[in-house]
N, C-alpha and C. Protein backbone atom coordinates (compact mmCIF):
# COMPACT_ATOMS: atom_id res chain seq x y z
N MET A 1 -83.62 -13.71 21.87
CA MET A 1 -84.16 -14.92 22.43
C MET A 1 -83.99 -16.11 21.50
N TRP A 2 -84.29 -15.91 20.21
CA TRP A 2 -84.17 -16.99 19.25
C TRP A 2 -82.80 -17.03 18.58
N SER A 3 -81.94 -16.11 18.94
CA SER A 3 -80.64 -16.03 18.26
C SER A 3 -79.81 -17.30 18.48
N TRP A 4 -79.89 -17.92 19.65
CA TRP A 4 -79.12 -19.15 19.89
C TRP A 4 -79.58 -20.25 18.95
N LEU A 5 -80.86 -20.33 18.65
CA LEU A 5 -81.39 -21.34 17.74
C LEU A 5 -80.88 -21.07 16.32
N LEU A 6 -80.92 -19.81 15.92
CA LEU A 6 -80.43 -19.44 14.60
C LEU A 6 -78.95 -19.80 14.46
N TRP A 7 -78.14 -19.46 15.46
CA TRP A 7 -76.71 -19.77 15.41
C TRP A 7 -76.46 -21.27 15.42
N THR A 8 -77.26 -22.03 16.14
CA THR A 8 -77.11 -23.49 16.17
C THR A 8 -77.42 -24.07 14.79
N VAL A 9 -78.52 -23.64 14.19
CA VAL A 9 -78.88 -24.12 12.85
C VAL A 9 -77.82 -23.72 11.83
N LEU A 10 -77.38 -22.49 11.89
CA LEU A 10 -76.34 -22.02 10.98
C LEU A 10 -75.06 -22.84 11.16
N GLY A 11 -74.69 -23.10 12.39
CA GLY A 11 -73.50 -23.92 12.67
C GLY A 11 -73.63 -25.32 12.10
N LEU A 12 -74.81 -25.93 12.22
CA LEU A 12 -75.03 -27.27 11.67
C LEU A 12 -74.97 -27.27 10.14
N VAL A 13 -75.50 -26.23 9.54
CA VAL A 13 -75.45 -26.11 8.07
C VAL A 13 -74.00 -25.98 7.61
N VAL A 14 -73.22 -25.14 8.28
CA VAL A 14 -71.81 -24.97 7.93
C VAL A 14 -71.05 -26.28 8.13
N LEU A 15 -71.33 -26.99 9.20
CA LEU A 15 -70.69 -28.27 9.46
C LEU A 15 -71.04 -29.29 8.37
N ALA A 16 -72.29 -29.34 7.96
CA ALA A 16 -72.72 -30.27 6.90
C ALA A 16 -72.04 -29.92 5.58
N LEU A 17 -71.95 -28.64 5.25
CA LEU A 17 -71.27 -28.23 4.02
C LEU A 17 -69.78 -28.57 4.05
N ALA A 18 -69.15 -28.38 5.20
CA ALA A 18 -67.73 -28.72 5.35
C ALA A 18 -67.52 -30.22 5.18
N PHE A 19 -68.42 -31.03 5.74
CA PHE A 19 -68.35 -32.49 5.61
C PHE A 19 -68.49 -32.89 4.14
N PHE A 20 -69.48 -32.31 3.44
CA PHE A 20 -69.69 -32.61 2.02
C PHE A 20 -68.45 -32.23 1.21
N LEU A 21 -67.89 -31.06 1.46
CA LEU A 21 -66.70 -30.61 0.75
C LEU A 21 -65.53 -31.56 1.00
N ALA A 22 -65.38 -32.01 2.24
CA ALA A 22 -64.30 -32.95 2.56
C ALA A 22 -64.46 -34.25 1.79
N ILE A 23 -65.70 -34.76 1.71
CA ILE A 23 -65.95 -36.00 0.96
C ILE A 23 -65.61 -35.80 -0.52
N VAL A 24 -66.05 -34.69 -1.08
CA VAL A 24 -65.77 -34.41 -2.50
C VAL A 24 -64.27 -34.35 -2.74
N LEU A 25 -63.53 -33.66 -1.88
CA LEU A 25 -62.08 -33.55 -2.05
C LEU A 25 -61.39 -34.90 -1.90
N VAL A 26 -61.81 -35.69 -0.94
CA VAL A 26 -61.22 -37.03 -0.76
C VAL A 26 -61.45 -37.87 -2.01
N MET A 27 -62.67 -37.85 -2.53
CA MET A 27 -62.99 -38.66 -3.70
C MET A 27 -62.31 -38.13 -4.96
N ARG A 28 -62.25 -36.83 -5.12
CA ARG A 28 -61.63 -36.23 -6.31
C ARG A 28 -60.13 -36.53 -6.39
N TYR A 29 -59.46 -36.40 -5.25
CA TYR A 29 -58.01 -36.53 -5.25
C TYR A 29 -57.53 -37.89 -4.76
N LYS A 30 -58.48 -38.81 -4.51
CA LYS A 30 -58.18 -40.20 -4.14
C LYS A 30 -57.19 -40.29 -2.98
N ASN A 31 -57.44 -39.49 -1.95
CA ASN A 31 -56.61 -39.51 -0.75
C ASN A 31 -56.76 -40.88 -0.08
N PRO A 32 -55.68 -41.66 0.06
CA PRO A 32 -55.79 -43.02 0.59
C PRO A 32 -56.41 -43.11 1.99
N ARG A 33 -55.99 -42.23 2.90
CA ARG A 33 -56.55 -42.27 4.26
C ARG A 33 -58.03 -41.90 4.25
N GLY A 34 -58.37 -40.87 3.49
CA GLY A 34 -59.76 -40.46 3.39
C GLY A 34 -60.62 -41.53 2.73
N LEU A 35 -60.09 -42.17 1.66
CA LEU A 35 -60.85 -43.23 1.00
C LEU A 35 -61.08 -44.41 1.95
N ALA A 36 -60.08 -44.72 2.77
CA ALA A 36 -60.22 -45.81 3.73
C ALA A 36 -61.35 -45.50 4.72
N LEU A 37 -61.43 -44.25 5.17
CA LEU A 37 -62.51 -43.86 6.09
C LEU A 37 -63.88 -43.93 5.42
N VAL A 38 -63.95 -43.45 4.18
CA VAL A 38 -65.22 -43.49 3.45
C VAL A 38 -65.64 -44.94 3.22
N ARG A 39 -64.70 -45.80 2.82
CA ARG A 39 -65.02 -47.23 2.60
C ARG A 39 -65.53 -47.88 3.88
N ARG A 40 -64.85 -47.60 4.98
CA ARG A 40 -65.25 -48.19 6.26
C ARG A 40 -66.65 -47.73 6.65
N PHE A 41 -66.93 -46.44 6.48
CA PHE A 41 -68.26 -45.91 6.78
C PHE A 41 -69.31 -46.57 5.89
N ASN A 42 -69.01 -46.66 4.60
CA ASN A 42 -69.97 -47.28 3.68
C ASN A 42 -70.22 -48.74 4.01
N ARG A 43 -69.17 -49.49 4.32
CA ARG A 43 -69.35 -50.90 4.68
C ARG A 43 -70.20 -51.05 5.94
N SER A 44 -69.96 -50.20 6.92
CA SER A 44 -70.64 -50.32 8.20
C SER A 44 -72.06 -49.79 8.20
N PHE A 45 -72.33 -48.73 7.46
CA PHE A 45 -73.63 -48.07 7.55
C PHE A 45 -74.39 -48.05 6.22
N THR A 46 -73.81 -47.42 5.22
CA THR A 46 -74.51 -47.22 3.95
C THR A 46 -74.88 -48.54 3.29
N ASN A 47 -73.93 -49.47 3.18
CA ASN A 47 -74.19 -50.74 2.50
C ASN A 47 -75.26 -51.55 3.22
N ARG A 48 -75.22 -51.57 4.54
CA ARG A 48 -76.22 -52.33 5.30
C ARG A 48 -77.62 -51.80 5.02
N ARG A 49 -77.75 -50.50 4.99
CA ARG A 49 -79.06 -49.90 4.72
C ARG A 49 -79.49 -50.14 3.28
N ALA A 50 -78.56 -50.00 2.35
CA ALA A 50 -78.87 -50.19 0.93
C ALA A 50 -79.28 -51.64 0.63
N MET A 51 -78.70 -52.60 1.35
CA MET A 51 -78.98 -54.01 1.10
C MET A 51 -80.42 -54.39 1.43
N ARG A 52 -81.12 -53.59 2.21
CA ARG A 52 -82.50 -53.91 2.59
C ARG A 52 -83.39 -54.10 1.37
N HIS A 53 -83.18 -53.28 0.33
CA HIS A 53 -84.04 -53.35 -0.85
C HIS A 53 -83.26 -53.45 -2.15
N ALA A 54 -81.94 -53.59 -2.07
CA ALA A 54 -81.12 -53.67 -3.27
C ALA A 54 -81.53 -54.86 -4.13
N GLY A 55 -81.59 -54.63 -5.44
CA GLY A 55 -81.94 -55.68 -6.38
C GLY A 55 -83.43 -55.82 -6.63
N GLU A 56 -84.24 -55.21 -5.77
CA GLU A 56 -85.69 -55.32 -5.93
C GLU A 56 -86.18 -54.35 -7.01
N PRO A 57 -87.34 -54.64 -7.61
CA PRO A 57 -87.89 -53.71 -8.60
C PRO A 57 -88.07 -52.31 -7.98
N GLY A 58 -87.61 -51.30 -8.70
CA GLY A 58 -87.75 -49.92 -8.25
C GLY A 58 -86.65 -49.45 -7.30
N SER A 59 -85.77 -50.34 -6.87
CA SER A 59 -84.69 -49.95 -5.97
C SER A 59 -83.62 -49.17 -6.74
N GLY A 60 -82.96 -48.26 -6.09
CA GLY A 60 -81.86 -47.51 -6.69
C GLY A 60 -80.55 -48.28 -6.69
N TYR A 61 -80.55 -49.45 -6.06
CA TYR A 61 -79.33 -50.25 -5.96
C TYR A 61 -79.54 -51.64 -6.53
N ALA A 62 -78.49 -52.18 -7.10
CA ALA A 62 -78.44 -53.58 -7.52
C ALA A 62 -77.56 -54.30 -6.50
N VAL A 63 -77.52 -55.62 -6.58
CA VAL A 63 -76.64 -56.42 -5.72
C VAL A 63 -75.71 -57.21 -6.62
N ILE A 64 -74.42 -57.13 -6.32
CA ILE A 64 -73.45 -57.97 -7.03
C ILE A 64 -73.02 -59.06 -6.05
N ARG A 65 -73.23 -60.31 -6.43
CA ARG A 65 -72.83 -61.45 -5.60
C ARG A 65 -71.55 -62.01 -6.17
N HIS A 66 -70.57 -62.15 -5.30
CA HIS A 66 -69.25 -62.58 -5.73
C HIS A 66 -68.61 -63.42 -4.64
N VAL A 67 -67.45 -64.00 -4.96
CA VAL A 67 -66.73 -64.86 -4.03
C VAL A 67 -65.37 -64.24 -3.76
N GLY A 68 -64.96 -64.24 -2.49
CA GLY A 68 -63.65 -63.70 -2.12
C GLY A 68 -62.54 -64.43 -2.84
N ARG A 69 -61.60 -63.69 -3.39
CA ARG A 69 -60.54 -64.30 -4.19
C ARG A 69 -59.56 -65.11 -3.35
N ARG A 70 -59.43 -64.79 -2.07
CA ARG A 70 -58.54 -65.55 -1.18
C ARG A 70 -59.32 -66.46 -0.24
N SER A 71 -60.41 -65.93 0.30
CA SER A 71 -61.16 -66.67 1.31
C SER A 71 -62.14 -67.68 0.73
N GLY A 72 -62.61 -67.41 -0.49
CA GLY A 72 -63.65 -68.26 -1.07
C GLY A 72 -65.02 -68.01 -0.46
N LYS A 73 -65.11 -67.02 0.40
CA LYS A 73 -66.35 -66.69 1.10
C LYS A 73 -67.29 -65.91 0.16
N PRO A 74 -68.59 -66.24 0.18
CA PRO A 74 -69.53 -65.49 -0.68
C PRO A 74 -69.84 -64.12 -0.09
N TYR A 75 -69.95 -63.12 -0.95
CA TYR A 75 -70.27 -61.75 -0.55
C TYR A 75 -71.40 -61.21 -1.42
N ALA A 76 -72.12 -60.24 -0.90
CA ALA A 76 -73.12 -59.50 -1.65
C ALA A 76 -72.88 -58.03 -1.37
N THR A 77 -72.72 -57.23 -2.42
CA THR A 77 -72.40 -55.81 -2.29
C THR A 77 -73.42 -54.99 -3.06
N PRO A 78 -74.00 -53.96 -2.42
CA PRO A 78 -74.92 -53.10 -3.17
C PRO A 78 -74.13 -52.15 -4.07
N ILE A 79 -74.58 -52.01 -5.31
CA ILE A 79 -73.92 -51.12 -6.26
C ILE A 79 -74.98 -50.40 -7.07
N GLY A 80 -74.61 -49.29 -7.65
CA GLY A 80 -75.48 -48.58 -8.59
C GLY A 80 -75.10 -48.99 -10.00
N VAL A 81 -76.09 -49.32 -10.81
CA VAL A 81 -75.83 -49.70 -12.20
C VAL A 81 -76.69 -48.87 -13.13
N SER A 82 -76.19 -48.67 -14.34
CA SER A 82 -76.93 -48.01 -15.41
C SER A 82 -76.92 -48.94 -16.61
N PRO A 83 -77.99 -48.98 -17.38
CA PRO A 83 -77.99 -49.80 -18.59
C PRO A 83 -76.91 -49.32 -19.56
N ALA A 84 -76.25 -50.25 -20.21
CA ALA A 84 -75.22 -49.92 -21.20
C ALA A 84 -75.28 -50.99 -22.29
N GLY A 85 -76.04 -50.73 -23.33
CA GLY A 85 -76.21 -51.72 -24.38
C GLY A 85 -76.94 -52.92 -23.81
N ASP A 86 -76.37 -54.11 -23.99
CA ASP A 86 -77.00 -55.31 -23.44
C ASP A 86 -76.47 -55.64 -22.04
N GLY A 87 -75.63 -54.77 -21.50
CA GLY A 87 -75.08 -54.98 -20.17
C GLY A 87 -75.37 -53.82 -19.24
N PHE A 88 -74.45 -53.61 -18.31
CA PHE A 88 -74.64 -52.59 -17.28
C PHE A 88 -73.32 -51.86 -17.07
N LEU A 89 -73.43 -50.59 -16.66
CA LEU A 89 -72.27 -49.76 -16.38
C LEU A 89 -72.27 -49.38 -14.91
N VAL A 90 -71.11 -49.47 -14.27
CA VAL A 90 -70.97 -49.18 -12.85
C VAL A 90 -69.86 -48.13 -12.68
N PHE A 91 -70.15 -47.06 -11.93
CA PHE A 91 -69.12 -46.09 -11.55
C PHE A 91 -68.17 -46.78 -10.58
N LEU A 92 -66.89 -46.48 -10.67
CA LEU A 92 -65.91 -46.97 -9.70
C LEU A 92 -65.23 -45.76 -9.05
N PRO A 93 -65.94 -45.09 -8.12
CA PRO A 93 -65.38 -43.86 -7.54
C PRO A 93 -64.12 -44.11 -6.72
N TYR A 94 -63.94 -45.33 -6.20
CA TYR A 94 -62.72 -45.65 -5.45
C TYR A 94 -61.62 -46.16 -6.38
N GLY A 95 -61.94 -46.36 -7.64
CA GLY A 95 -61.01 -46.94 -8.59
C GLY A 95 -61.26 -48.44 -8.73
N ALA A 96 -60.48 -49.06 -9.58
CA ALA A 96 -60.66 -50.48 -9.89
C ALA A 96 -60.07 -51.40 -8.82
N ASP A 97 -59.55 -50.83 -7.72
CA ASP A 97 -58.93 -51.64 -6.68
C ASP A 97 -59.86 -51.95 -5.51
N ALA A 98 -61.13 -51.61 -5.61
CA ALA A 98 -62.08 -51.96 -4.54
C ALA A 98 -62.13 -53.48 -4.46
N ASP A 99 -62.27 -54.01 -3.24
CA ASP A 99 -62.24 -55.46 -3.04
C ASP A 99 -63.23 -56.21 -3.90
N TRP A 100 -64.48 -55.72 -3.98
CA TRP A 100 -65.48 -56.47 -4.74
C TRP A 100 -65.13 -56.50 -6.22
N VAL A 101 -64.53 -55.42 -6.73
CA VAL A 101 -64.12 -55.38 -8.15
C VAL A 101 -62.99 -56.38 -8.37
N ARG A 102 -62.03 -56.39 -7.47
CA ARG A 102 -60.91 -57.34 -7.60
C ARG A 102 -61.41 -58.77 -7.52
N ASN A 103 -62.41 -59.01 -6.66
CA ASN A 103 -62.98 -60.37 -6.54
C ASN A 103 -63.63 -60.83 -7.84
N ILE A 104 -64.47 -59.99 -8.43
CA ILE A 104 -65.16 -60.45 -9.64
C ILE A 104 -64.23 -60.50 -10.84
N ARG A 105 -63.22 -59.65 -10.86
CA ARG A 105 -62.24 -59.73 -11.95
C ARG A 105 -61.41 -61.00 -11.83
N ALA A 106 -61.06 -61.36 -10.61
CA ALA A 106 -60.29 -62.60 -10.41
C ALA A 106 -61.12 -63.82 -10.78
N ALA A 107 -62.40 -63.81 -10.43
CA ALA A 107 -63.27 -64.95 -10.74
C ALA A 107 -63.68 -64.96 -12.21
N GLY A 108 -63.71 -63.79 -12.83
CA GLY A 108 -64.11 -63.70 -14.23
C GLY A 108 -65.61 -63.58 -14.43
N SER A 109 -66.37 -63.69 -13.34
CA SER A 109 -67.83 -63.56 -13.45
C SER A 109 -68.43 -63.30 -12.08
N ALA A 110 -69.71 -62.93 -12.09
CA ALA A 110 -70.44 -62.68 -10.85
C ALA A 110 -71.92 -62.77 -11.17
N GLU A 111 -72.71 -62.66 -10.13
CA GLU A 111 -74.16 -62.65 -10.29
C GLU A 111 -74.66 -61.26 -9.93
N LEU A 112 -75.42 -60.65 -10.82
CA LEU A 112 -75.97 -59.31 -10.61
C LEU A 112 -77.48 -59.43 -10.49
N VAL A 113 -78.02 -58.86 -9.41
CA VAL A 113 -79.47 -58.82 -9.22
C VAL A 113 -79.89 -57.36 -9.30
N THR A 114 -80.70 -57.05 -10.30
CA THR A 114 -81.17 -55.69 -10.48
C THR A 114 -82.61 -55.71 -10.98
N ASP A 115 -83.41 -54.84 -10.39
CA ASP A 115 -84.82 -54.71 -10.77
C ASP A 115 -85.55 -56.05 -10.72
N GLY A 116 -85.20 -56.87 -9.72
CA GLY A 116 -85.86 -58.15 -9.52
C GLY A 116 -85.39 -59.28 -10.42
N ARG A 117 -84.39 -59.02 -11.26
CA ARG A 117 -83.87 -60.04 -12.18
C ARG A 117 -82.44 -60.38 -11.84
N THR A 118 -82.09 -61.63 -12.05
CA THR A 118 -80.73 -62.11 -11.79
C THR A 118 -80.02 -62.35 -13.12
N HIS A 119 -78.79 -61.83 -13.22
CA HIS A 119 -77.99 -61.95 -14.44
C HIS A 119 -76.62 -62.51 -14.08
N GLN A 120 -76.12 -63.45 -14.87
CA GLN A 120 -74.73 -63.87 -14.77
C GLN A 120 -73.95 -62.90 -15.65
N VAL A 121 -72.92 -62.27 -15.10
CA VAL A 121 -72.19 -61.24 -15.83
C VAL A 121 -70.68 -61.46 -15.78
N THR A 122 -70.01 -60.92 -16.78
CA THR A 122 -68.55 -60.90 -16.80
C THR A 122 -68.09 -59.45 -16.73
N PRO A 123 -67.01 -59.18 -15.99
CA PRO A 123 -66.56 -57.78 -15.80
C PRO A 123 -65.51 -57.34 -16.81
N ARG A 124 -65.53 -56.04 -17.08
CA ARG A 124 -64.49 -55.43 -17.90
C ARG A 124 -64.36 -53.98 -17.46
N VAL A 125 -63.17 -53.57 -17.02
CA VAL A 125 -62.92 -52.19 -16.62
C VAL A 125 -62.69 -51.36 -17.87
N VAL A 126 -63.37 -50.20 -17.94
CA VAL A 126 -63.21 -49.31 -19.08
C VAL A 126 -62.89 -47.91 -18.58
N ASP A 127 -62.38 -47.08 -19.48
CA ASP A 127 -62.06 -45.71 -19.10
C ASP A 127 -63.25 -44.79 -19.37
N ARG A 128 -63.06 -43.55 -19.01
CA ARG A 128 -64.12 -42.53 -19.12
C ARG A 128 -64.63 -42.39 -20.56
N ALA A 129 -63.72 -42.40 -21.52
CA ALA A 129 -64.10 -42.20 -22.92
C ALA A 129 -65.08 -43.29 -23.39
N GLU A 130 -64.85 -44.51 -23.00
CA GLU A 130 -65.73 -45.61 -23.40
C GLU A 130 -67.05 -45.57 -22.64
N ALA A 131 -67.04 -45.05 -21.41
CA ALA A 131 -68.25 -45.01 -20.59
C ALA A 131 -69.16 -43.84 -20.92
N LEU A 132 -68.60 -42.71 -21.36
CA LEU A 132 -69.37 -41.48 -21.57
C LEU A 132 -70.64 -41.63 -22.40
N PRO A 133 -70.62 -42.37 -23.49
CA PRO A 133 -71.86 -42.47 -24.28
C PRO A 133 -73.03 -43.10 -23.52
N HIS A 134 -72.75 -43.82 -22.46
CA HIS A 134 -73.80 -44.50 -21.69
C HIS A 134 -74.26 -43.71 -20.47
N LEU A 135 -73.64 -42.55 -20.22
CA LEU A 135 -73.96 -41.77 -19.02
C LEU A 135 -74.99 -40.68 -19.33
N SER A 136 -75.93 -40.53 -18.42
CA SER A 136 -76.89 -39.42 -18.54
C SER A 136 -76.17 -38.12 -18.16
N GLY A 137 -76.83 -37.00 -18.41
CA GLY A 137 -76.24 -35.70 -18.05
C GLY A 137 -75.95 -35.61 -16.56
N GLY A 138 -76.87 -36.09 -15.73
CA GLY A 138 -76.67 -36.07 -14.28
C GLY A 138 -75.51 -36.95 -13.86
N ASP A 139 -75.41 -38.14 -14.47
CA ASP A 139 -74.30 -39.04 -14.15
C ASP A 139 -72.96 -38.44 -14.56
N ARG A 140 -72.96 -37.72 -15.67
CA ARG A 140 -71.72 -37.08 -16.12
C ARG A 140 -71.27 -36.01 -15.12
N ARG A 141 -72.24 -35.25 -14.58
CA ARG A 141 -71.90 -34.22 -13.59
C ARG A 141 -71.34 -34.85 -12.32
N VAL A 142 -71.96 -35.94 -11.86
CA VAL A 142 -71.47 -36.63 -10.66
C VAL A 142 -70.08 -37.19 -10.90
N ALA A 143 -69.88 -37.80 -12.07
CA ALA A 143 -68.56 -38.36 -12.40
C ALA A 143 -67.50 -37.27 -12.45
N ARG A 144 -67.86 -36.13 -12.97
CA ARG A 144 -66.91 -35.00 -13.04
C ARG A 144 -66.63 -34.46 -11.64
N LEU A 145 -67.69 -34.32 -10.81
CA LEU A 145 -67.52 -33.81 -9.45
C LEU A 145 -66.55 -34.67 -8.65
N PHE A 146 -66.72 -36.00 -8.74
CA PHE A 146 -65.88 -36.92 -7.96
C PHE A 146 -64.65 -37.40 -8.73
N ARG A 147 -64.49 -36.89 -9.96
CA ARG A 147 -63.34 -37.23 -10.81
C ARG A 147 -63.21 -38.75 -10.99
N VAL A 148 -64.32 -39.36 -11.37
CA VAL A 148 -64.34 -40.80 -11.62
C VAL A 148 -63.67 -41.06 -12.96
N THR A 149 -62.66 -41.93 -12.96
CA THR A 149 -61.95 -42.25 -14.20
C THR A 149 -62.11 -43.70 -14.61
N ASP A 150 -62.55 -44.55 -13.68
CA ASP A 150 -62.71 -45.97 -13.98
C ASP A 150 -64.18 -46.37 -13.88
N TYR A 151 -64.59 -47.22 -14.79
CA TYR A 151 -65.95 -47.72 -14.84
C TYR A 151 -65.87 -49.22 -15.08
N LEU A 152 -66.90 -49.91 -14.69
CA LEU A 152 -66.96 -51.35 -14.89
C LEU A 152 -68.15 -51.66 -15.78
N VAL A 153 -67.90 -52.38 -16.86
CA VAL A 153 -68.98 -52.86 -17.71
C VAL A 153 -69.23 -54.30 -17.31
N LEU A 154 -70.49 -54.60 -17.02
CA LEU A 154 -70.90 -55.96 -16.68
C LEU A 154 -71.72 -56.49 -17.86
N GLN A 155 -71.12 -57.37 -18.62
CA GLN A 155 -71.76 -57.94 -19.80
C GLN A 155 -72.41 -59.27 -19.43
N PRO A 156 -73.50 -59.63 -20.11
CA PRO A 156 -74.08 -60.96 -19.86
C PRO A 156 -73.04 -62.03 -20.14
N ALA A 157 -72.94 -63.00 -19.23
CA ALA A 157 -71.99 -64.09 -19.41
C ALA A 157 -72.49 -64.99 -20.54
N PRO A 158 -71.57 -65.53 -21.35
CA PRO A 158 -71.99 -66.43 -22.41
C PRO A 158 -72.68 -67.66 -21.81
N ALA A 159 -73.73 -68.11 -22.46
CA ALA A 159 -74.43 -69.31 -22.01
C ALA A 159 -73.54 -70.53 -22.21
N ILE A 160 -73.60 -71.44 -21.27
CA ILE A 160 -72.80 -72.66 -21.37
C ILE A 160 -73.58 -73.67 -22.22
N ALA A 161 -72.98 -74.06 -23.31
CA ALA A 161 -73.65 -74.99 -24.22
C ALA A 161 -73.46 -76.43 -23.76
N GLY A 162 -74.36 -77.27 -24.19
CA GLY A 162 -74.25 -78.68 -23.86
C GLY A 162 -74.95 -79.02 -22.58
N GLY A 163 -74.90 -80.21 -22.21
CA GLY A 163 -75.54 -80.67 -20.99
C GLY A 163 -75.08 -82.05 -20.64
N ALA A 164 -75.67 -82.62 -19.61
CA ALA A 164 -75.30 -83.96 -19.21
C ALA A 164 -75.78 -84.93 -20.25
N GLY A 165 -74.99 -85.92 -20.59
CA GLY A 165 -75.41 -86.79 -21.66
C GLY A 165 -75.03 -88.12 -21.41
């Protein structure tokens, strides 16, 4: 009598595991078609949900505000950041070619809102060796699982000296 329910639940569990495995393989091997699908899903669903509380105190997400390198249009993207010295470290699971990364690199700076504070930052892409000292054990496992090789360091932008005179 209950066997159909058991088989349905088991089928859903197997389907969820297969989906997770597919995501891991796409991210590990940087399959272009798979990455395009993941990016599209994240833009349409994950990012919209994350933006509700991104940048607020206690949120798991920060917001990076940047300007489109061709359009000049302002954008806000939710990202995960970790403290790294006087700056912040960001995983780049899609690589350094993600649109928001290209935008802030082209501009040379961006605005980062994290934990209720706003920071003017400058970007610098670094490799795994330079990022490792700033990663927790859990972050290292995630980076290894998804084979993350590129990281972004967001350093405080130098203050502009002088004023109107």
